[in-house]
Structures are given as C-alpha cells and as structure tokens.
Protein backbone atom coordinates (compact mmCIF):
# COMPACT_ATOMS: atom_id res chain seq x y z
CA MET A 1 0.00 0.00 0.00
CA PRO A 2 1.13 3.53 -0.56
CA SER A 3 3.25 5.78 1.51
CA GLY A 4 1.56 7.77 4.25
CA CYS A 5 0.98 6.92 7.87
CA PRO A 6 -1.74 4.45 8.81
CA ALA A 7 -4.44 5.72 11.09
CA GLU A 8 -4.74 4.93 14.76
CA ALA A 9 -4.13 1.27 15.50
CA GLY A 10 -6.98 -0.96 16.53
CA ASN A 11 -7.15 -3.38 19.43
CA THR A 12 -4.22 -5.72 19.93
CA ILE A 13 -4.42 -9.46 20.53
CA MET A 14 -1.10 -11.32 20.80
CA GLY A 15 0.78 -8.36 19.44
CA ILE A 16 -0.69 -7.75 15.96
CA ASP A 17 -2.45 -4.44 15.54
CA PHE A 18 -4.85 -3.89 12.66
CA ALA A 19 -4.76 -0.22 11.72
CA ARG A 20 -8.02 1.68 11.51
CA SER A 21 -8.74 2.21 7.85
CA GLU A 22 -11.55 3.97 6.08
CA ARG A 23 -13.87 1.42 4.51
CA SER A 24 -13.16 0.50 0.88
CA THR A 25 -10.33 2.90 0.33
CA VAL A 26 -8.04 1.52 -2.36
CA GLY A 27 -4.35 1.46 -3.21
CA ILE A 28 -2.52 -0.29 -6.06
CA GLU A 29 1.04 -1.56 -6.53
CA TRP A 30 2.12 -2.20 -10.14
CA GLU A 31 5.36 -4.01 -10.95
CA LEU A 32 6.89 -3.21 -14.35
CA ALA A 33 9.87 -4.65 -16.24
CA LEU A 34 12.65 -2.65 -17.88
CA VAL A 35 13.63 -3.89 -21.36
CA ASP A 36 16.05 -2.87 -24.08
CA ARG A 37 14.17 -0.93 -26.76
CA ASP A 38 15.93 -2.71 -29.63
CA SER A 39 16.46 -6.30 -28.49
CA GLY A 40 13.64 -6.66 -25.95
CA ASP A 41 16.07 -8.17 -23.43
CA LEU A 42 15.60 -7.37 -19.76
CA VAL A 43 17.76 -4.47 -18.55
CA SER A 44 19.09 -4.42 -14.97
CA ALA A 45 18.93 -0.65 -14.66
CA ALA A 46 16.62 -0.15 -11.66
CA ASP A 47 19.34 1.37 -9.46
CA GLU A 48 20.29 3.88 -12.15
CA VAL A 49 16.67 4.72 -12.88
CA LEU A 50 15.72 5.14 -9.22
CA THR A 51 18.75 7.34 -8.60
CA ALA A 52 17.67 9.57 -11.48
CA LEU A 53 14.21 9.78 -9.91
CA CYS A 54 15.50 10.97 -6.53
CA GLN A 55 14.05 14.21 -5.23
CA SER A 56 15.97 17.48 -5.17
CA ASP A 57 17.18 16.84 -1.62
CA GLY A 58 18.57 13.46 -2.65
CA SER A 59 15.87 11.39 -0.95
CA PRO A 60 14.31 8.47 -2.84
CA HIS A 61 11.12 8.92 -4.83
CA PRO A 62 8.28 8.40 -2.32
CA TYR A 63 6.20 6.14 -4.57
CA ILE A 64 8.45 4.63 -7.27
CA THR A 65 10.58 1.86 -5.78
CA GLY A 66 12.72 -1.16 -6.60
CA GLU A 67 11.97 -4.83 -6.14
CA LEU A 68 13.75 -8.17 -5.84
CA LEU A 69 15.41 -7.98 -9.28
CA LEU A 70 17.24 -5.02 -10.78
CA ASN A 71 15.13 -5.28 -13.93
CA THR A 72 12.02 -4.24 -12.01
CA VAL A 73 10.48 -0.94 -10.94
CA GLU A 74 7.33 -0.79 -8.83
CA LEU A 75 4.80 2.04 -8.90
CA VAL A 76 2.87 2.48 -5.64
CA SER A 77 -0.23 4.64 -5.42
CA SER A 78 -1.25 6.64 -2.38
CA VAL A 79 -4.57 5.93 -0.65
CA HIS A 80 -7.62 6.76 -2.78
CA THR A 81 -11.38 6.51 -2.53
CA THR A 82 -11.72 5.42 -6.18
CA VAL A 83 -9.88 3.11 -8.53
CA ALA A 84 -9.78 5.90 -11.11
CA GLY A 85 -7.89 8.09 -8.66
CA ALA A 86 -5.37 5.34 -7.89
CA VAL A 87 -4.80 4.62 -11.59
CA ARG A 88 -4.35 8.32 -12.40
CA ASP A 89 -1.78 8.39 -9.62
CA LEU A 90 0.10 5.49 -11.22
CA ASP A 91 -0.22 7.00 -14.69
CA GLY A 92 1.53 10.12 -13.45
CA GLN A 93 4.31 8.00 -11.96
CA LEU A 94 4.66 6.07 -15.20
CA GLN A 95 5.19 9.33 -17.08
CA GLU A 96 7.89 10.27 -14.58
CA LEU A 97 9.49 6.88 -15.14
CA ARG A 98 9.39 7.30 -18.92
CA GLY A 99 11.09 10.66 -18.57
CA VAL A 100 14.08 8.81 -17.14
CA THR A 101 14.06 5.63 -19.26
CA HIS A 102 13.39 7.10 -22.71
CA GLY A 103 16.81 8.67 -23.20
CA ARG A 104 18.48 5.51 -21.95
CA GLY A 105 17.01 3.30 -24.68
CA ILE A 106 14.82 1.48 -22.16
CA ASP A 107 11.21 0.48 -22.76
CA ILE A 108 8.73 -0.57 -20.08
CA ILE A 109 6.40 -3.56 -20.18
CA GLY A 110 3.66 -4.90 -17.94
CA SER A 111 3.42 -8.69 -17.92
CA GLY A 112 3.47 -11.58 -15.47
CA SER A 113 6.66 -12.90 -17.07
CA HIS A 114 9.20 -11.89 -19.70
CA PRO A 115 8.77 -14.01 -22.85
CA PHE A 116 12.39 -15.09 -23.21
CA GLY A 117 14.44 -13.71 -20.29
CA GLN A 118 16.62 -16.16 -18.35
CA TRP A 119 16.50 -16.07 -14.56
CA TYR A 120 20.22 -16.73 -14.10
CA ASP A 121 21.07 -13.53 -16.00
CA GLN A 122 19.12 -11.28 -13.60
CA PRO A 123 20.97 -9.58 -10.72
CA VAL A 124 19.21 -9.34 -7.36
CA ALA A 125 18.83 -5.95 -5.68
CA ASN A 126 21.40 -5.35 -2.95
CA LYS A 127 19.07 -5.39 0.05
CA GLU A 128 19.44 -7.57 3.12
CA ARG A 129 15.89 -8.93 3.01
CA TYR A 130 16.31 -10.02 -0.63
CA HIS A 131 19.66 -11.68 0.05
CA LYS A 132 18.07 -13.49 2.99
CA LEU A 133 15.19 -14.67 0.80
CA ILE A 134 17.53 -15.96 -1.92
CA GLU A 135 19.84 -17.65 0.58
CA ARG A 136 16.90 -19.57 2.00
CA THR A 137 15.01 -20.38 -1.19
CA ARG A 138 17.99 -20.75 -3.60
CA TRP A 139 16.91 -22.08 -7.04
CA TRP A 140 13.20 -21.34 -6.56
CA GLY A 141 13.93 -17.89 -5.21
CA ARG A 142 16.24 -17.05 -8.13
CA ASN A 143 13.50 -18.17 -10.51
CA MET A 144 11.14 -15.46 -9.24
CA MET A 145 11.47 -13.50 -12.51
CA ILE A 146 7.87 -12.39 -12.20
CA TRP A 147 5.77 -9.22 -12.11
CA GLY A 148 2.38 -8.69 -10.54
CA VAL A 149 -0.28 -6.27 -9.35
CA HIS A 150 -1.27 -5.94 -5.69
CA VAL A 151 -4.54 -4.25 -4.73
CA HIS A 152 -5.28 -3.11 -1.17
CA VAL A 153 -8.84 -2.45 0.00
CA GLY A 154 -9.52 -0.80 3.35
CA ILE A 155 -11.44 -2.80 5.98
CA GLU A 156 -13.00 -0.75 8.75
CA ASP A 157 -13.53 -3.64 11.20
CA ARG A 158 -10.82 -6.17 12.01
CA ASP A 159 -13.42 -8.87 12.64
CA LYS A 160 -14.41 -8.73 8.98
CA VAL A 161 -10.92 -9.45 7.67
CA MET A 162 -10.76 -13.24 7.78
CA PRO A 163 -14.38 -13.84 6.70
CA ILE A 164 -13.90 -11.56 3.66
CA LEU A 165 -10.53 -13.14 2.87
CA ASN A 166 -11.99 -16.65 2.98
CA ALA A 167 -14.90 -15.67 0.72
CA MET A 168 -12.58 -13.88 -1.74
CA LEU A 169 -10.92 -17.23 -2.46
CA SER A 170 -13.99 -18.17 -4.50
CA TYR A 171 -13.08 -15.40 -6.96
CA ILE A 172 -9.43 -16.29 -7.49
CA PRO A 173 -10.12 -17.99 -10.85
CA HIS A 174 -12.10 -15.02 -12.15
CA LEU A 175 -9.33 -12.56 -11.33
CA GLN A 176 -6.55 -14.94 -12.36
CA ALA A 177 -8.10 -15.58 -15.76
CA LEU A 178 -8.69 -11.89 -16.46
CA SER A 179 -5.18 -10.83 -15.42
CA ALA A 180 -3.24 -13.80 -16.84
CA SER A 181 -0.22 -12.50 -18.75
CA SER A 182 2.56 -15.08 -18.36
CA PRO A 183 2.21 -17.78 -21.03
CA TYR A 184 5.99 -17.85 -21.71
CA TRP A 185 8.83 -18.79 -19.40
CA SER A 186 12.49 -18.53 -20.44
CA GLY A 187 11.56 -18.71 -24.11
CA VAL A 188 9.16 -21.64 -23.74
CA ASP A 189 5.41 -21.65 -24.43
CA THR A 190 4.33 -23.23 -21.16
CA GLY A 191 0.76 -24.02 -22.21
CA TYR A 192 -0.41 -22.02 -19.17
CA ALA A 193 -2.18 -18.67 -19.26
CA SER A 194 -0.50 -17.73 -15.96
CA ASN A 195 2.70 -19.64 -15.34
CA ARG A 196 3.63 -16.92 -12.85
CA SER A 197 0.94 -17.91 -10.36
CA LEU A 198 2.25 -21.47 -10.13
CA MET A 199 5.88 -20.36 -9.91
CA PHE A 200 5.27 -17.89 -7.10
CA GLN A 201 3.52 -20.41 -4.87
CA GLN A 202 6.78 -22.40 -4.62
CA LEU A 203 8.14 -19.91 -2.11
CA PRO A 204 7.71 -20.64 1.62
CA THR A 205 4.53 -19.01 2.98
CA ALA A 206 3.38 -18.10 -0.55
CA GLY A 207 0.34 -19.47 -2.37
CA LEU A 208 -3.19 -19.96 -1.16
CA PRO A 209 -3.96 -18.84 2.41
CA TYR A 210 -5.20 -21.12 5.11
CA GLN A 211 -8.90 -20.64 5.76
CA LEU A 212 -8.66 -19.33 9.29
CA PRO A 213 -11.90 -18.50 11.10
CA ASP A 214 -11.01 -15.20 12.76
CA TRP A 215 -8.32 -12.68 13.62
CA ALA A 216 -7.20 -14.58 16.72
CA ALA A 217 -6.51 -17.62 14.55
CA PHE A 218 -4.40 -15.48 12.21
CA GLU A 219 -2.42 -14.20 15.19
CA ASP A 220 -1.91 -17.78 16.39
CA TYR A 221 -0.67 -18.74 12.92
CA VAL A 222 1.84 -15.87 12.88
CA ALA A 223 2.99 -16.79 16.39
CA ASP A 224 3.47 -20.43 15.35
CA MET A 225 5.44 -19.41 12.26
CA THR A 226 7.60 -16.91 14.15
CA LYS A 227 8.61 -19.14 17.07
CA PRO A 228 10.74 -21.60 15.03
CA GLY A 229 12.07 -18.82 12.78
CA ILE A 230 10.06 -19.63 9.65
CA ILE A 231 9.22 -15.92 9.43
CA ASP A 232 10.41 -12.87 11.32
CA ASP A 233 7.02 -11.13 11.29
CA TYR A 234 3.66 -11.10 9.50
CA THR A 235 5.03 -9.18 6.49
CA GLU A 236 6.73 -12.42 5.40
CA VAL A 237 3.37 -14.16 5.04
CA ARG A 238 3.17 -14.02 1.23
CA TRP A 239 -0.28 -15.51 0.68
CA ASP A 240 -2.19 -14.87 -2.56
CA ILE A 241 -4.62 -12.84 -0.46
CA ARG A 242 -3.48 -11.66 2.95
CA PRO A 243 -4.32 -9.26 5.74
CA SER A 244 -2.10 -6.18 5.70
CA PRO A 245 -2.32 -5.10 9.35
CA HIS A 246 -0.07 -2.06 9.01
CA TRP A 247 -2.43 -0.50 6.47
CA GLY A 248 -5.74 -1.88 7.73
CA THR A 249 -6.43 -3.61 4.43
CA ILE A 250 -6.94 -6.86 2.64
CA GLU A 251 -4.24 -7.22 0.00
CA VAL A 252 -4.97 -9.22 -3.18
CA ARG A 253 -1.54 -10.25 -4.48
CA PHE A 254 -1.92 -13.06 -7.00
CA CYS A 255 -2.84 -11.17 -10.20
CA ASP A 256 -0.30 -11.18 -13.03
CA GLY A 257 1.27 -7.90 -14.09
CA ALA A 258 -1.19 -5.71 -16.02
CA SER A 259 -0.22 -5.01 -19.63
CA THR A 260 -2.36 -1.89 -20.08
CA HIS A 261 -3.77 0.91 -17.95
CA ARG A 262 -7.32 -0.17 -18.81
CA GLU A 263 -6.74 -3.75 -17.70
CA LEU A 264 -5.11 -2.53 -14.50
CA ALA A 265 -8.16 -0.38 -13.74
CA ALA A 266 -10.62 -3.14 -14.68
CA VAL A 267 -9.07 -5.81 -12.46
CA ALA A 268 -8.62 -3.36 -9.57
CA ALA A 269 -12.27 -2.30 -9.89
CA LEU A 270 -13.44 -5.92 -9.76
CA ILE A 271 -11.40 -6.50 -6.58
CA HIS A 272 -12.66 -3.24 -5.08
CA CYS A 273 -16.28 -4.15 -5.77
CA LEU A 274 -15.96 -7.74 -4.56
CA VAL A 275 -14.54 -6.72 -1.19
CA GLU A 276 -17.25 -4.10 -0.70
CA HIS A 277 -19.91 -6.61 -1.80
CA LEU A 278 -18.75 -9.13 0.81
CA SER A 279 -18.46 -6.46 3.48
CA THR A 280 -22.04 -5.38 2.74
CA ARG A 281 -23.28 -8.96 3.02
CA ILE A 282 -21.70 -9.20 6.46
CA ASP A 283 -23.44 -5.98 7.48
CA GLU A 284 -26.76 -7.41 6.31
CA GLY A 285 -26.26 -10.67 8.20
CA GLN A 286 -26.04 -12.64 4.95
CA PRO A 287 -23.87 -15.77 4.71
CA LEU A 288 -20.65 -15.73 2.65
CA LEU A 289 -19.81 -18.62 0.34
CA VAL A 290 -16.56 -20.29 1.35
CA LEU A 291 -15.47 -23.10 -0.95
CA GLN A 292 -13.68 -26.20 0.25
CA PRO A 293 -9.88 -25.69 0.08
CA TRP A 294 -9.54 -28.45 -2.52
CA TYR A 295 -12.03 -26.67 -4.78
CA VAL A 296 -10.20 -23.39 -4.30
CA ARG A 297 -6.91 -25.05 -5.28
CA GLU A 298 -8.44 -26.71 -8.33
CA ASN A 299 -10.01 -23.44 -9.45
CA LYS A 300 -6.70 -21.64 -9.17
CA TRP A 301 -4.97 -24.30 -11.25
CA ARG A 302 -7.69 -24.28 -13.90
CA ALA A 303 -7.50 -20.51 -14.31
CA ALA A 304 -3.69 -20.61 -14.45
CA ARG A 305 -3.81 -23.35 -17.07
CA TYR A 306 -6.73 -22.32 -19.26
CA GLY A 307 -7.25 -18.63 -18.52
CA LEU A 308 -10.58 -17.39 -19.84
CA ASP A 309 -11.30 -20.83 -21.29
CA ALA A 310 -11.45 -22.34 -17.79
CA LYS A 311 -14.53 -23.92 -16.29
CA VAL A 312 -14.74 -23.15 -12.58
CA ILE A 313 -16.35 -24.81 -9.57
CA LEU A 314 -19.06 -22.50 -8.27
CA ASP A 315 -20.26 -23.93 -4.98
CA ASN A 316 -19.81 -26.58 -2.33
CA ALA A 317 -21.93 -29.01 -4.35
CA GLY A 318 -19.33 -28.99 -7.13
CA ASN A 319 -21.45 -27.29 -9.81
CA GLU A 320 -19.43 -25.79 -12.66
CA ARG A 321 -19.70 -23.01 -15.22
CA PRO A 322 -17.36 -21.36 -17.76
CA VAL A 323 -15.50 -18.62 -15.94
CA THR A 324 -16.49 -16.08 -18.59
CA ASP A 325 -20.18 -16.74 -17.95
CA ASP A 326 -19.72 -16.33 -14.22
CA ILE A 327 -17.75 -13.11 -14.70
CA ARG A 328 -20.57 -11.66 -16.82
CA ASN A 329 -23.03 -12.55 -14.05
CA LEU A 330 -20.75 -10.90 -11.52
CA LEU A 331 -20.72 -7.67 -13.53
CA VAL A 332 -24.51 -7.49 -13.21
CA THR A 333 -24.44 -8.30 -9.48
CA LEU A 334 -21.73 -5.76 -8.76
CA ALA A 335 -23.02 -2.91 -10.94
CA PRO A 336 -24.84 -1.12 -8.08
CA ILE A 337 -21.75 -1.38 -5.87
CA ALA A 338 -19.57 -0.06 -8.70
CA GLY A 339 -21.88 2.94 -8.91
CA ARG A 340 -21.51 3.51 -5.20
CA LEU A 341 -17.71 3.22 -5.38
CA GLY A 342 -17.39 5.38 -8.48
CA CYS A 343 -15.88 2.68 -10.71
CA SER A 344 -18.76 1.78 -13.06
CA GLU A 345 -16.73 2.54 -16.18
CA GLU A 346 -13.72 0.57 -14.98
CA LEU A 347 -15.82 -2.44 -13.98
CA ALA A 348 -17.71 -2.40 -17.30
CA SER A 349 -14.40 -2.56 -19.18
CA ILE A 350 -14.04 -6.14 -17.90
CA GLY A 351 -16.37 -6.93 -20.80
CA GLU A 352 -13.70 -5.71 -23.24
CA ILE A 353 -11.19 -8.19 -21.81
CA LEU A 354 -13.74 -10.97 -22.26
CA ASP A 355 -14.39 -9.89 -25.86
CA GLU A 356 -10.80 -9.13 -26.94
CA GLY A 357 -8.89 -11.65 -24.86
CA ALA A 358 -6.57 -11.21 -21.90
CA SER A 359 -2.88 -10.39 -22.25
CA TYR A 360 -1.78 -14.04 -22.41
CA SER A 361 -3.89 -14.69 -25.50
CA ARG A 362 -2.67 -11.51 -27.21
CA GLN A 363 0.94 -12.53 -26.55
CA LEU A 364 0.31 -15.93 -28.09
CA ARG A 365 -1.31 -14.32 -31.16
CA VAL A 366 1.63 -11.98 -31.69
CA ALA A 367 4.11 -14.86 -31.46
CA ALA A 368 2.08 -16.91 -33.95
CA ALA A 369 1.90 -13.96 -36.37
CA ASN A 370 5.69 -13.50 -36.17
CA SER A 371 6.80 -17.12 -36.67
CA GLY A 372 7.42 -17.57 -32.95
CA ASP A 373 9.67 -14.52 -32.59
CA LEU A 374 9.33 -13.62 -28.91
CA SER A 375 11.10 -10.30 -29.31
CA ALA A 376 7.99 -9.26 -31.28
CA VAL A 377 5.94 -10.11 -28.18
CA VAL A 378 8.08 -7.77 -26.05
CA LYS A 379 7.67 -4.99 -28.60
CA ALA A 380 3.90 -5.56 -28.58
CA LEU A 381 3.83 -5.39 -24.78
CA ALA A 382 5.80 -2.13 -24.79
CA ARG A 383 3.44 -0.70 -27.41
CA GLU A 384 0.36 -1.85 -25.48
CA LEU A 385 1.51 -0.07 -22.36
CA ARG A 386 1.85 3.13 -24.38
CA ASP A 387 -1.22 2.84 -26.60
CA GLY A 388 -3.63 0.25 -25.14
CA SER A 389 -4.45 -3.36 -25.98
CA LYS A 390 -5.83 -2.60 -29.44
CA ALA A 391 -2.30 -1.60 -30.47
CA VAL A 392 -1.37 -5.26 -30.80
CA LEU A 393 -3.90 -5.72 -33.61
CA ASP A 394 -1.90 -3.37 -35.84
CA LEU A 395 1.38 -5.28 -35.60
C-alpha cells in the first residue's frame, strides 16, 4: 500500500495491531519490467533509474521503488477513494518513469513474465531482506522472474478481515483468468495462461492462504510461524490474499502484471467491488460462500492453465460453469456497488477483456503472427503499455 501513515491502530491481541482504515479505500502496486528498446532483453537498470528519480534533496522517490530484481520498478499509489484516482496516480508516476528511461534506450512492459528472459542472468537488488530470501530459497527464489499487481482495500472492522478473505478465495479464478499474462517462461510456451501464479507459490509461505476462522486464529498462525524462525514477522506471510495489518487492508496479491492501464483499472475495480460486496453482506447478516480448500486449489490451477477458457467450480456441491459466464453474471451483481464506489466505467471494461482476450492470448497471437519470434511479443507489450491493448492488432 502507498506511503503515508496508517491511522490509529486498533485493538491488539497477541501483538498484531490492525490499523483503523476507512472502509473501501483503495491502493494499487504495479510491478513493471525494464527492457532494451531494440532487443527486448531485460535491462538491470533499476538502481540507475531510481537514482535519477531521486528528489531534489537526494531522498528516494516516495512512490516509485525497486523490487527483488534489478530489472524491475514498482509504482505504488497513495490511498484513494476510487480506482480511477489510484490509476491516475500510477499514470503520473509512469510518465515520470518514462522521462528517465526514454533517453536511456529502455522500454517498459507490464506482464506476469518476460517471454524469453533467463533467470540466471538477472541480478538481485542489494538489500538484506532479498539476500536473505535468496539464501533460504535458492533455485526457486532465483527463478522469481515475475511481475504482478497488488490491490489493497480498506477494511474498517478487524473482525471482517478473515471472513472476507476466505470468501474472496472463491473469486481467485475469475481474477486470475482476467489478469493472466505469463504464457511464456524462459523462451518456452508453457501451455499455461499464468505460469507466474504457479511459480510464485513455490516460495515458503506463498500461495493460497489457510482458511482461518477469525483474527485470533491469524495471530496464532503468525505466532506459530515466528517461534521456530520460519518468518520474522507477518510481512513475510506471502499468501495470494493476505491481511495487511499495518495499512488496515486486505491485499490481493496473486494477479499477473497488467499489460495496459485499462486492464489494470478493470481488475482493480473488480477487486474493489468484490470486497465491498462481501463487506455489505456481512453488514446485512447474509452468509458468505466459502469453498472447500480443494475446490479453491483446483479453481486456481484451472485458471492458471486455461485462462478465460477455464470452467470453474461455483459452490460446495461442485457445480461448474465457464469462468467467462460467471464473470458476466458478476458484472450485473456488482453494478450497483460499482456505482456507489465510483468505478462503473472501470468495472464495465471487464467486458472488453472478455471480448478481446486477456494479455496471455494476445501474446500468443503476436508470437504466432511472427513465426514464434518472442522479441515481437516484447515490442507488442511495450506498445500496449503506451497505446492500449488494441495496439497489438496493428502489428
């Protein structure tokens, strides 16, 4: 979540405060890759770029930061009441970033993976926490050549956090299919729409969360994990969806990197509306659907494998439906909430992703049209980020 101090902390049980946060505020983190404009290769220039972005007093940029690998720059919005506001915030940061990268022959792409980059060529940022992660995870950690989008939504009552998190697991396949943008890995067509989601879950404490009943159970989990040194604190719990106590939010972390501004806004709006929808149901005393963990896991795999062609499990009885059909139903259900949250236009643009295809399918089409040349895919991704997804159709 963005810079800025969290509000007054809430009650403490076993040492984990949950900050007071205004309901359904939203913040977005967007990881982007730096690539050579001519070759499409990844460029490990984050340190140089971030130095150039320092403020006049020499302090780091407050919102544009580095990440695990030196080929990555992350844009972090401040706290907003609307998705449109958060995306405008990130758009402004992206223009600042382009002001530094353009003269250096560097392009920027948004994608869950780089089509042909090799993990062993990518230097790790010189930060203690990253060195510690790599030392522990070794080969799997070095393979984390991935980019994603994280969306935070403010929760005003700590007791709502775990129930909403558990219910949000039912929507992982919808969000995963819409955001899928990592069909290639190290030059190989993996056959998956989102290879990134399956790679990331190999890290300790990453992947699907445990379905814990309440905040006390989450605190017990963190205590259990901390005592034997598995983690140092709750920030090292890297679940696909997790509580973010410092900000007073639920953080949705599993979406692949967004390739265009419009897709970023659309996926963020769907997350924003879903959290508010579930919060409203709690207020009304309505039950929340929580799928069995084995159904949640199967749904995640299906969306990672088949993207928008996936068929998902809908309920505890095992009934199924194409994910695209269920997404269209969701758009109708969530329309009133989108109006209330001021993101009707962004939510409606989900329909464009369903009609035109998600990033993974566009990448595959570009490769096919260029005899498998993956540098053409990188060029298409760079052009999409500048001009929108329709730009790929002109290549």
